[in-house]
Protein backbone atom coordinates (compact mmCIF):
# COMPACT_ATOMS: atom_id res chain seq x y z
CA MET A 1 -22.11 -8.88 34.23
CA LYS A 2 -24.24 -12.03 34.40
CA PRO A 3 -26.30 -13.64 31.62
CA TYR A 4 -30.00 -14.33 32.04
CA PRO A 5 -30.90 -17.82 33.32
CA LYS A 6 -31.37 -20.41 30.59
CA GLU A 7 -34.76 -21.81 31.52
CA ILE A 8 -37.21 -19.42 29.81
CA LEU A 9 -35.86 -16.51 27.81
CA SER A 10 -37.45 -13.83 25.70
CA LEU A 11 -35.93 -12.84 22.36
CA LYS A 12 -34.39 -9.73 23.93
CA GLU A 13 -32.83 -11.78 26.71
CA ARG A 14 -31.40 -14.30 24.24
CA ILE A 15 -29.86 -11.46 22.26
CA TYR A 16 -28.33 -10.01 25.43
CA ASN A 17 -26.83 -13.37 26.43
CA TYR A 18 -25.36 -13.85 22.98
CA ARG A 19 -23.80 -10.37 22.87
CA LEU A 20 -22.37 -10.74 26.38
CA SER A 21 -20.85 -14.13 25.56
CA ARG A 22 -19.44 -12.78 22.29
CA ALA A 23 -17.83 -9.80 24.01
CA ARG A 24 -16.11 -12.09 26.50
CA ARG A 25 -14.78 -14.29 23.71
CA ILE A 26 -13.49 -11.31 21.76
CA ILE A 27 -11.49 -10.12 24.75
CA GLU A 28 -10.29 -13.65 25.43
CA ASN A 29 -9.15 -14.11 21.82
CA THR A 30 -7.46 -10.72 21.74
CA PHE A 31 -5.22 -11.52 24.69
CA GLY A 32 -4.92 -15.12 23.52
CA ILE A 33 -3.27 -13.97 20.29
CA LEU A 34 -0.80 -11.86 22.27
CA ALA A 35 0.03 -14.68 24.65
CA ALA A 36 0.49 -17.14 21.77
CA ARG A 37 2.76 -14.83 19.79
CA CYS A 38 4.67 -12.99 22.53
CA ARG A 39 6.56 -15.36 24.81
CA ILE A 40 6.86 -12.82 27.59
CA PHE A 41 3.13 -13.19 28.31
CA ARG A 42 3.31 -16.96 28.69
CA LYS A 43 4.37 -16.72 32.32
CA PRO A 44 4.22 -14.11 35.07
CA ILE A 45 6.41 -11.10 34.24
CA ILE A 46 9.03 -10.52 36.92
CA ALA A 47 9.48 -6.75 36.69
CA ASN A 48 8.34 -3.52 38.25
CA GLU A 49 5.01 -1.96 37.35
CA LYS A 50 6.44 0.64 34.93
CA THR A 51 8.35 -2.00 32.95
CA VAL A 52 5.28 -4.24 32.71
CA ILE A 53 3.22 -1.31 31.39
CA ASN A 54 5.86 -0.43 28.80
CA VAL A 55 6.17 -4.07 27.67
CA THR A 56 2.39 -4.29 27.28
CA LYS A 57 2.24 -1.03 25.32
CA ALA A 58 5.02 -2.16 22.99
CA ALA A 59 3.33 -5.52 22.38
CA THR A 60 0.02 -3.76 21.75
CA ALA A 61 1.59 -1.40 19.21
CA LEU A 62 3.28 -4.30 17.39
CA HIS A 63 0.06 -6.31 17.41
CA ASN A 64 -1.99 -3.42 16.00
CA TYR A 65 0.60 -2.85 13.27
CA LEU A 66 0.46 -6.49 12.19
CA MET A 67 -3.34 -6.44 12.21
CA HIS A 68 -3.62 -3.07 10.50
CA SER A 69 -5.14 -3.93 7.14
CA ARG A 70 -8.95 -4.08 6.88
CA GLN A 71 -8.94 -7.41 5.00
CA PHE A 72 -8.53 -10.89 6.54
CA GLU A 73 -5.73 -12.79 4.84
CA PRO A 74 -5.77 -16.60 5.33
CA LEU A 75 -2.02 -16.83 4.64
CA ASN A 76 -1.12 -14.20 7.24
CA GLN A 77 1.54 -15.83 9.41
CA TYR A 78 0.79 -13.72 12.47
CA CYS A 79 -2.88 -14.66 12.62
CA PRO A 80 -3.70 -17.26 9.94
CA LEU A 81 -7.10 -18.75 9.21
CA GLY A 82 -8.21 -20.92 12.12
CA PHE A 83 -5.90 -19.27 14.63
CA VAL A 84 -8.78 -17.59 16.48
CA ASP A 85 -12.13 -18.95 17.58
CA CYS A 86 -14.82 -19.18 14.91
CA GLU A 87 -18.52 -19.22 15.63
CA THR A 88 -20.62 -21.55 13.45
CA SER A 89 -24.20 -22.79 13.45
CA SER A 90 -23.04 -26.03 15.07
CA GLY A 91 -21.06 -24.39 17.84
CA LEU A 92 -17.78 -22.69 18.63
CA LEU A 93 -14.63 -23.89 16.85
CA ALA A 94 -11.67 -23.33 19.15
CA GLY A 95 -8.80 -21.35 17.67
CA GLU A 96 -5.27 -22.70 17.38
CA TRP A 97 -3.99 -20.13 19.88
CA ARG A 98 -5.68 -22.05 22.70
CA SER A 99 -3.46 -25.09 22.21
CA ASN A 100 -0.40 -22.85 21.91
CA VAL A 101 -0.89 -21.30 25.35
CA SER A 102 -2.47 -24.21 27.21
CA ASP A 103 0.82 -25.22 28.87
CA TYR A 104 1.74 -21.74 30.03
CA GLN A 105 0.82 -19.94 33.23
CA GLY A 106 0.97 -16.31 32.19
CA ILE A 107 -2.71 -15.80 32.96
CA THR A 108 -3.95 -17.81 35.89
CA THR A 109 -7.50 -18.99 36.40
CA LEU A 110 -9.46 -16.98 38.94
CA GLN A 111 -10.95 -18.90 41.82
CA LYS A 112 -14.70 -18.73 42.16
CA GLN A 113 -15.77 -16.54 45.04
CA LEU A 114 -17.70 -18.13 47.85
CA GLY A 115 -20.83 -16.62 49.31
CA SER A 116 -23.93 -15.04 47.84
CA ASN A 117 -24.28 -15.09 44.06
CA ASN A 118 -27.28 -12.80 43.95
CA TYR A 119 -27.45 -9.67 41.83
CA SER A 120 -27.84 -6.29 43.44
CA ARG A 121 -30.62 -4.03 42.20
CA ASP A 122 -28.06 -1.75 40.55
CA ALA A 123 -26.46 -4.65 38.67
CA LYS A 124 -29.86 -5.81 37.42
CA ALA A 125 -30.66 -2.30 36.23
CA VAL A 126 -27.38 -2.12 34.31
CA ARG A 127 -28.07 -5.48 32.70
CA GLU A 128 -31.49 -4.28 31.58
CA LEU A 129 -29.96 -1.13 30.08
CA PHE A 130 -27.57 -3.25 28.02
CA ARG A 131 -30.38 -5.65 27.06
CA ASP A 132 -32.50 -2.79 25.72
CA PHE A 133 -29.55 -1.20 23.94
CA PHE A 134 -28.54 -4.42 22.19
CA ASN A 135 -32.10 -4.74 20.87
CA SER A 136 -32.43 -1.11 19.77
CA PRO A 137 -31.75 0.21 16.23
CA GLN A 138 -28.68 1.98 17.61
CA GLY A 139 -27.20 -1.04 19.40
CA GLN A 140 -28.15 -4.08 17.36
CA VAL A 141 -25.85 -5.81 14.87
CA PRO A 142 -27.16 -7.59 11.77
CA TRP A 143 -25.93 -11.11 12.60
CA GLN A 144 -27.19 -11.36 16.20
CA TYR A 145 -30.53 -12.82 15.14
CA ASP A 146 -28.84 -15.33 12.84
CA MET A 147 -26.76 -16.79 15.65
CA ILE A 148 -29.78 -17.68 17.78
CA ALA A 149 -31.90 -18.81 14.85
CA GLU A 150 -31.96 -22.51 15.74
CA LYS A 151 -33.80 -21.75 18.98
CA LEU A 152 -36.15 -19.44 17.13
CA ALA A 153 -36.83 -21.66 14.13
CA THR A 154 -40.55 -20.99 14.07
CA GLU A 155 -39.93 -17.27 13.57
CA PHE A 156 -38.03 -18.03 10.38
CA LEU A 157 -40.41 -20.67 9.01
CA ILE A 158 -42.15 -18.19 6.72
CA LEU A 159 -38.82 -17.21 5.20
CA PHE A 160 -38.07 -20.84 4.36
CA LEU A 161 -41.52 -21.38 2.85
CA ILE A 162 -41.26 -18.30 0.66
CA TYR A 163 -37.83 -19.35 -0.47
CA ASN A 164 -38.85 -22.89 -1.35
CA LEU A 165 -41.86 -21.69 -3.37
CA ASP A 166 -39.79 -19.25 -5.40
CA GLU A 167 -38.26 -21.15 -8.32
CA SER A 168 -36.09 -18.15 -9.23
CA ALA A 169 -34.36 -18.16 -5.87
CA HIS A 170 -31.20 -20.18 -5.44
CA HIS A 171 -28.33 -20.66 -3.04
CA GLY A 172 -25.26 -18.57 -3.75
CA ASP A 173 -21.98 -20.10 -2.66
CA TRP A 174 -20.13 -16.82 -2.08
CA GLU A 175 -20.76 -13.19 -1.25
CA TYR A 176 -18.93 -10.04 -0.16
CA SER A 177 -20.04 -9.50 3.44
CA LEU A 178 -17.19 -10.00 5.94
CA LEU A 179 -19.87 -10.88 8.51
CA SER A 180 -20.99 -13.93 6.55
CA ASP A 181 -19.68 -17.48 6.52
CA THR A 182 -19.64 -17.24 2.72
CA GLY A 183 -17.67 -13.96 2.71
CA PRO A 184 -14.27 -13.31 1.08
CA GLN A 185 -12.28 -14.76 3.96
CA TYR A 186 -13.93 -18.16 3.27
CA TRP A 187 -13.82 -18.22 -0.53
CA GLY A 188 -10.71 -20.36 -0.49
CA TYR A 189 -12.53 -23.31 1.08
CA ASP A 190 -14.69 -23.98 -1.99
CA HIS A 191 -12.45 -22.15 -4.47
CA PRO A 192 -8.82 -22.97 -3.55
CA ILE A 193 -7.31 -20.69 -6.17
CA CYS A 194 -8.64 -17.75 -4.15
CA ASN A 195 -5.79 -18.52 -1.73
CA GLY A 196 -3.22 -18.42 -4.54
CA LYS A 197 0.00 -16.43 -4.84
CA ARG A 198 -1.03 -13.90 -7.52
CA GLN A 199 -4.42 -12.76 -6.31
CA SER A 200 -6.15 -9.44 -6.96
CA PRO A 201 -6.88 -6.69 -6.06
CA ILE A 202 -3.76 -5.15 -4.52
CA ASN A 203 -2.62 -2.03 -2.76
CA ILE A 204 -0.70 -0.09 -5.43
CA ILE A 205 2.30 1.66 -3.88
CA GLU A 206 3.07 4.25 -6.53
CA ASN A 207 6.70 4.86 -5.57
CA GLN A 208 7.46 1.13 -5.71
CA ALA A 209 6.47 0.69 -9.36
CA PHE A 210 9.17 -0.08 -11.93
CA TYR A 211 9.16 1.95 -15.12
CA SER A 212 9.25 -0.24 -18.23
CA THR A 213 9.66 0.89 -21.82
CA ALA A 214 7.90 -2.33 -22.88
CA LEU A 215 4.57 -0.92 -21.65
CA THR A 216 3.37 0.59 -24.90
CA PRO A 217 0.15 2.64 -25.15
CA LEU A 218 -3.12 0.76 -25.46
CA ILE A 219 -4.50 0.91 -28.99
CA LEU A 220 -8.29 0.82 -28.90
CA PHE A 221 -10.65 -0.30 -31.66
CA ASN A 222 -14.35 0.61 -31.70
CA TYR A 223 -14.25 1.84 -28.10
CA SER A 224 -15.98 5.06 -29.20
CA THR A 225 -18.46 3.35 -31.52
CA LEU A 226 -22.22 3.29 -30.90
CA PHE A 227 -23.36 0.18 -32.75
CA ASN A 228 -26.50 0.12 -34.86
CA ASN A 229 -29.07 -2.64 -34.41
CA THR A 230 -27.69 -3.28 -30.93
CA SER A 231 -29.63 -3.19 -27.66
CA TYR A 232 -27.71 -1.86 -24.68
CA TYR A 233 -28.83 -2.95 -21.22
CA LEU A 234 -27.89 -3.29 -17.56
CA THR A 235 -28.41 -6.47 -15.56
CA ASN A 236 -27.92 -7.45 -11.93
CA ASN A 237 -26.23 -10.86 -11.83
CA GLY A 238 -26.48 -11.13 -8.04
CA HIS A 239 -22.92 -9.93 -7.43
CA THR A 240 -22.58 -6.78 -9.56
CA VAL A 241 -24.17 -4.69 -12.32
CA ILE A 242 -23.12 -5.68 -15.85
CA LEU A 243 -23.27 -3.60 -19.02
CA GLY A 244 -24.54 -5.80 -21.85
CA MET A 245 -25.04 -5.52 -25.61
CA ASP A 246 -27.39 -7.65 -27.69
CA ALA A 247 -26.50 -7.55 -31.37
CA ASN A 248 -27.58 -9.42 -34.49
CA SER A 249 -23.97 -10.23 -35.21
CA SER A 250 -20.71 -10.35 -33.29
CA LEU A 251 -19.25 -6.98 -32.32
CA SER A 252 -15.63 -6.16 -32.97
CA ILE A 253 -14.46 -4.23 -29.90
CA GLY A 254 -11.22 -4.43 -28.00
CA LEU A 255 -7.64 -3.26 -27.83
CA PHE A 256 -4.10 -4.07 -28.83
CA TRP A 257 -1.46 -4.21 -26.12
CA ARG A 258 2.19 -5.00 -26.69
CA GLY A 259 1.36 -6.24 -30.18
CA ARG A 260 -1.37 -8.65 -29.09
CA LYS A 261 -5.09 -8.39 -29.75
CA TYR A 262 -7.55 -8.59 -26.86
CA ASN A 263 -11.28 -8.85 -27.58
CA TYR A 264 -13.85 -7.09 -25.36
CA TYR A 265 -15.81 -9.49 -23.15
CA GLY A 266 -17.76 -7.43 -20.60
CA LEU A 267 -17.94 -4.53 -18.16
CA HIS A 268 -19.04 -4.39 -14.53
CA PHE A 269 -18.91 -2.19 -11.42
CA HIS A 270 -17.48 -2.36 -7.89
CA TRP A 271 -18.68 -0.02 -5.15
CA GLY A 272 -18.67 0.41 -1.37
CA GLU A 273 -21.18 0.94 1.43
CA ASN A 274 -20.13 4.61 1.62
CA ASP A 275 -18.21 7.17 -0.42
CA GLN A 276 -14.94 6.44 1.39
CA HIS A 277 -14.35 3.08 -0.25
CA GLY A 278 -15.61 0.84 -3.03
CA SER A 279 -12.71 0.56 -5.45
CA GLU A 280 -11.02 -2.82 -5.22
CA HIS A 281 -7.54 -1.46 -5.92
CA LEU A 282 -6.06 0.93 -3.40
CA PHE A 283 -3.47 3.62 -4.12
CA SER A 284 -1.01 3.83 -1.23
CA ASN A 285 -3.74 2.57 1.13
CA LYS A 286 -6.33 5.03 -0.18
CA ALA A 287 -9.61 3.77 -1.61
CA ASN A 288 -12.02 5.48 -4.00
CA PRO A 289 -15.80 5.02 -4.19
CA LEU A 290 -16.14 3.21 -7.56
CA GLU A 291 -14.12 0.99 -9.88
CA VAL A 292 -15.12 -0.20 -13.33
CA HIS A 293 -13.58 -3.35 -14.80
CA ILE A 294 -13.51 -3.80 -18.58
CA LEU A 295 -12.73 -7.44 -19.37
CA HIS A 296 -10.94 -8.70 -22.50
CA TYR A 297 -9.57 -12.06 -23.60
CA LEU A 298 -6.59 -12.78 -25.82
CA ASN A 299 -7.72 -13.35 -29.38
CA ASP A 300 -5.21 -16.20 -29.82
CA TYR A 301 -7.10 -18.31 -27.28
CA GLY A 302 -10.47 -18.11 -29.02
CA THR A 303 -12.92 -17.63 -26.13
CA PHE A 304 -13.00 -16.08 -22.70
CA SER A 305 -13.50 -19.44 -20.94
CA ASN A 306 -10.55 -20.98 -22.75
CA SER A 307 -8.41 -17.91 -21.97
CA LEU A 308 -8.83 -18.60 -18.27
CA ASN A 309 -6.53 -21.60 -18.72
CA TYR A 310 -3.54 -19.37 -19.54
CA ASP A 311 -1.67 -17.00 -17.24
CA ASP A 312 -1.92 -14.18 -19.81
CA GLY A 313 -5.34 -15.06 -21.23
CA VAL A 314 -7.42 -12.24 -19.73
CA LEU A 315 -6.76 -8.50 -19.68
CA VAL A 316 -8.78 -6.40 -17.23
CA TRP A 317 -8.65 -2.65 -17.68
CA SER A 318 -9.40 -1.05 -14.33
CA ASN A 319 -10.79 2.49 -14.25
CA ILE A 320 -11.06 4.25 -10.90
CA PHE A 321 -13.72 6.86 -10.15
CA GLN A 322 -12.86 9.64 -7.70
CA LEU A 323 -15.50 11.43 -5.64
CA ASP A 324 -16.44 14.85 -7.01
CA ASN A 325 -19.83 16.30 -6.13
CA SER A 326 -19.40 19.07 -8.69
CA VAL A 327 -19.83 16.61 -11.57
CA ASP A 328 -22.09 18.02 -14.29
CA THR A 329 -24.70 15.28 -14.59
CA SER A 330 -26.54 17.03 -17.43
CA SER A 331 -23.72 16.34 -19.90
CA ASN A 332 -22.33 13.15 -18.38
CA PRO A 333 -22.50 10.29 -20.93
CA LEU A 334 -22.83 7.80 -18.07
CA GLN A 335 -25.78 9.52 -16.42
CA ASP A 336 -28.33 7.22 -18.06
CA ILE A 337 -26.53 4.27 -16.50
CA PHE A 338 -26.61 5.83 -13.03
CA ASN A 339 -30.30 6.69 -13.52
CA ASN A 340 -31.16 3.09 -14.37
CA ILE A 341 -29.39 1.34 -11.48
CA LYS A 342 -32.67 1.55 -9.54
CA ASN A 343 -34.30 -0.59 -12.23
CA VAL A 344 -32.11 -3.65 -11.54
CA ILE A 345 -32.64 -3.97 -7.78
CA GLN A 346 -33.15 -7.74 -7.67
CA ALA A 347 -30.76 -10.42 -8.88
CA GLY A 348 -31.75 -11.28 -12.44
CA ASP A 349 -33.32 -7.88 -13.20
CA LYS A 350 -32.55 -6.38 -16.61
CA THR A 351 -33.30 -2.94 -18.06
CA SER A 352 -32.65 -1.22 -21.37
CA ILE A 353 -30.45 1.86 -21.52
CA GLN A 354 -29.39 4.36 -24.12
CA PRO A 355 -26.37 3.34 -26.25
CA VAL A 356 -23.10 4.19 -24.52
CA ALA A 357 -19.55 3.99 -25.84
CA LEU A 358 -16.96 2.08 -23.83
CA SER A 359 -14.69 5.12 -24.07
CA SER A 360 -17.12 6.90 -21.72
CA PHE A 361 -15.77 4.75 -18.88
CA VAL A 362 -12.14 5.69 -19.52
CA ALA A 363 -10.38 8.90 -18.52
CA GLU A 364 -9.14 11.04 -21.39
CA ASN A 365 -5.58 10.47 -22.58
CA SER A 366 -5.13 7.50 -20.23
CA THR A 367 -4.14 4.82 -22.74
CA TYR A 368 -0.46 5.52 -22.12
CA SER A 369 -0.64 6.16 -18.35
CA TYR A 370 -1.21 3.00 -16.34
CA TYR A 371 0.12 0.40 -13.91
CA TYR A 372 0.54 -3.23 -14.89
CA TYR A 373 0.89 -6.41 -12.80
CA ASP A 374 0.00 -10.11 -13.07
CA GLY A 375 -3.02 -11.06 -11.01
CA SER A 376 -6.37 -12.83 -10.90
CA LEU A 377 -10.08 -12.37 -11.22
CA THR A 378 -11.44 -10.75 -8.06
CA THR A 379 -14.39 -13.16 -7.80
CA PRO A 380 -14.45 -16.95 -7.47
CA GLU A 381 -12.95 -18.98 -9.08
CA CYS A 382 -10.29 -16.23 -8.71
CA SER A 383 -8.51 -17.59 -11.81
CA GLU A 384 -4.86 -16.48 -11.93
CA SER A 385 -4.98 -15.70 -15.63
CA VAL A 386 -5.25 -11.90 -15.60
CA VAL A 387 -2.91 -9.16 -16.73
CA TRP A 388 -4.11 -6.03 -14.95
CA ILE A 389 -4.01 -2.57 -16.52
CA VAL A 390 -4.92 -0.02 -13.82
CA ASN A 391 -5.38 3.51 -15.08
CA GLN A 392 -3.37 6.22 -13.35
CA LYS A 393 -5.88 8.90 -14.37
CA PHE A 394 -9.23 8.89 -12.58
CA MET A 395 -12.80 9.49 -13.67
CA LYS A 396 -15.26 11.52 -11.56
CA VAL A 397 -18.44 10.43 -9.79
CA SER A 398 -20.80 12.15 -7.34
CA SER A 399 -22.43 10.88 -4.15
CA ARG A 400 -25.84 11.10 -5.82
CA GLN A 401 -24.72 8.93 -8.72
CA LEU A 402 -23.41 6.29 -6.31
CA GLN A 403 -26.28 5.94 -3.87
CA ASP A 404 -28.52 3.63 -5.92
CA PHE A 405 -25.80 0.97 -6.13
CA ARG A 406 -26.18 0.39 -2.39
CA THR A 407 -29.88 -0.48 -2.71
CA LEU A 408 -29.21 -3.54 -4.87
CA LYS A 409 -30.00 -7.09 -3.78
CA GLY A 410 -27.92 -10.17 -4.48
CA HIS A 411 -28.49 -13.91 -4.43
CA TYR A 412 -30.01 -15.98 -1.68
CA HIS A 413 -27.39 -17.69 0.49
CA ASN A 414 -27.16 -20.50 3.01
CA ILE A 415 -25.79 -18.67 6.04
CA SER A 416 -25.66 -20.30 9.46
CA ASN A 417 -28.48 -22.69 8.49
CA LEU A 418 -30.63 -19.82 7.22
CA VAL A 419 -31.57 -18.75 3.75
CA LYS A 420 -31.38 -15.02 3.27
CA GLU A 421 -30.90 -12.48 0.53
CA GLU A 422 -27.62 -10.64 0.19
CA ASN A 423 -27.69 -6.86 0.38
CA LEU A 424 -25.15 -5.54 -2.12
CA LEU A 425 -24.12 -2.57 -0.02
CA GLN A 426 -20.63 -3.24 -1.31
CA ASN A 427 -18.91 -5.66 -3.66
CA ASP A 428 -15.22 -4.84 -3.26
CA ARG A 429 -12.93 -7.74 -2.45
CA PRO A 430 -10.27 -6.93 0.20
CA ILE A 431 -6.74 -6.39 -1.07
CA GLN A 432 -4.49 -9.44 -1.40
CA PRO A 433 -0.79 -10.02 -0.61
CA PHE A 434 1.60 -9.05 -3.40
CA ASN A 435 3.84 -12.09 -2.85
CA ARG A 436 7.03 -11.03 -4.63
CA ARG A 437 5.36 -9.96 -7.83
CA THR A 438 6.49 -6.82 -9.64
CA LEU A 439 4.41 -3.72 -10.22
CA TYR A 440 5.24 -1.80 -13.40
CA THR A 441 4.35 1.67 -14.62
CA SER A 442 4.20 2.98 -18.17
CA VAL A 443 5.14 6.49 -17.01
CA ASN A 444 8.73 7.37 -16.14
CA PHE A 445 8.01 9.68 -13.20
CA ILE A 446 11.64 10.52 -12.40
CA ASN A 447 13.32 9.88 -15.78
CA SER A 448 15.49 7.18 -14.29
CA VAL A 449 14.95 3.76 -12.82
CA THR A 450 15.25 3.66 -9.05
CA SER A 451 16.47 0.43 -7.51
CA PHE A 452 14.66 -1.03 -4.58
CA SER A 453 13.24 -4.34 -3.50
CA LYS A 454 10.90 -5.91 -6.03
CA SER A 455 8.76 -7.40 -3.34
CA TYR A 456 6.42 -5.84 -0.90
CA SER A 457 3.62 -7.21 1.13
CA ALA A 458 0.16 -5.89 1.70
CA ALA A 459 -0.38 -4.89 5.30
CA ALA A 460 -1.48 -7.73 7.55
CA SER A 461 -5.21 -7.82 7.94
CA ASN A 462 -7.60 -7.51 10.82
CA VAL A 463 -8.32 -10.74 12.60
CA LEU A 464 -11.66 -12.34 11.89
CA ILE A 465 -13.20 -13.22 15.23
CA LEU A 466 -16.48 -15.08 15.31
CA GLY A 467 -17.52 -14.03 11.84
CA GLU A 468 -16.78 -10.31 12.22
CA THR A 469 -13.84 -8.11 11.26
CA ILE A 470 -12.65 -6.31 14.37
CA SER A 471 -10.05 -3.56 14.50
CA LEU A 472 -8.20 -4.74 17.55
CA PHE A 473 -7.22 -1.98 19.93
CA LEU A 474 -6.44 -4.11 22.91
CA PHE A 475 -7.81 -1.96 25.66
CA PHE A 476 -11.00 -0.84 23.93
CA VAL A 477 -13.41 -3.46 22.66
CA GLU A 478 -16.77 -2.35 21.35
CA PHE A 479 -19.47 -4.98 21.52
C-alpha cells in the first residue's frame, strides 16, 4: 500500500498517509520488541518450518502475557518507558529497541524491486477505500487530526484565538487520556513521585491478603450528620467532581482508626468511559464502574497539606460501586447528586445540592470489613503519604446514574502544540506495581493465617506505541 504523493494533499489524503505510516511503525515496533528481548530472533533460525512456527507461537504467548495489563508502567523491565518509538509534535523519537537489534541480522532488509512503480487500478481503488474509511465516523481515531496539525495550522487558528481571549481557560499539566502526551504514562516526567515504589491504585488479590488483628473497626464521628447552616454543593475541578460543604464554622467530621483521629478533608468520584470499568482499584483484575474516595488527614499533623509530608498523614477510604440496574432511585439518598452532575459540565462549574450525609457513600456494616495497604494519592503529585482503607462491601449504582459523568469537561491542555479541552470520559488511573508491599485484611476469611509470599506484582502493562495503548496480538494489528 503506497502513500499519496507529498506535493499537494487534501486533508483526507494527509490522514490516510498518517494512518498508513503509523500502522507500519506499530508492526515494526511489535516485532522489534520481540527481536530485542528474544535472542533467537536476532539471527536467521536454522530449523524446519514446524519448529520455527512453534518457536514463534511460544514467543508470542510469552510476549502477550508480559504485556497483558491495560496500564503502561514506566518501570516495567520488559518494555520500559522509551523502549518503543514515541511520536511527538517535533517528530518521531526512536525507541531503545532499535539500538538493541541494530547489529543483528535476524530480519534482513528487502531489496527494492526494479521496474515499473506505477499503481494498478485495483490498488488505487483499495487505497481510496481505506482513505474514505479512515476519515469516516466509523474509522477515524481522535488523535489523527492532532498529529497533522502543524501543516493545518490555519484550521486551528480560531481555537487558539478563543482560548487566548478566555481568561478562565488555562493549561492543565496532566490528564487521564492514555492517548495524550500529558496522560498517566507521562505524569512521572513533571511529577517524579508518580514513578515511586508505593503508588496507587493497585490490583487487590483477595487471596493474597494477610489477616491482621491490629486492623480494628473504623469509628466514625458525624458521618451521619446533616449540618445546619451549611451549604452542600458539587463542583467540577477539571479532573473530577467534588462534594463540598460551606459552613459558618469548622465542621467536626472524621473517624478514628487504630486509636488515631483522622479529620475529614473531602470527597470525590472516579468513573470510566463505560460500565465495565471506572473504579481505580481492581479486585482480582476485575473493575467496577465507580469509586468514591473520602479523604482524611491525621489530626496530629494539623492540616491536610502538612500531612502530605508524612508517610501516614493521609487516610483515604475507598468505596466501590457495583453495577446494578435494579437500584431504586426514588429512595436513594445519593440520587440528588447523580441528578446534578449535568449542572457541573465545565471545569469550574458549581451547583447546590440537598444536604447529604457522608454515611450515604458507605456500604452498611462495612467499618470492620476492609483491606489496608500503604500507597499514594492517585493524582499528581502522587504523594506517597496515604494509608488506604478499601471497603470489601460494595455500594450499588445503575447505568442511568453513571451516564452524566461521561459528559463532563476538564481543563484545557497543551497537547502536541495544540490547546484543547479534556473530555472527562474517564478519570481512573491505571493500576500500579505493588513492589513488595503487604496487603492486609481486617476479616479472617479462613480463621487461620496462610503463609505465602508477601510480594506480588501487578501484571505488566500494554506497551505505549506512538501515544496509544495497544493490546499487542502479534499477528493481528488494527489500525
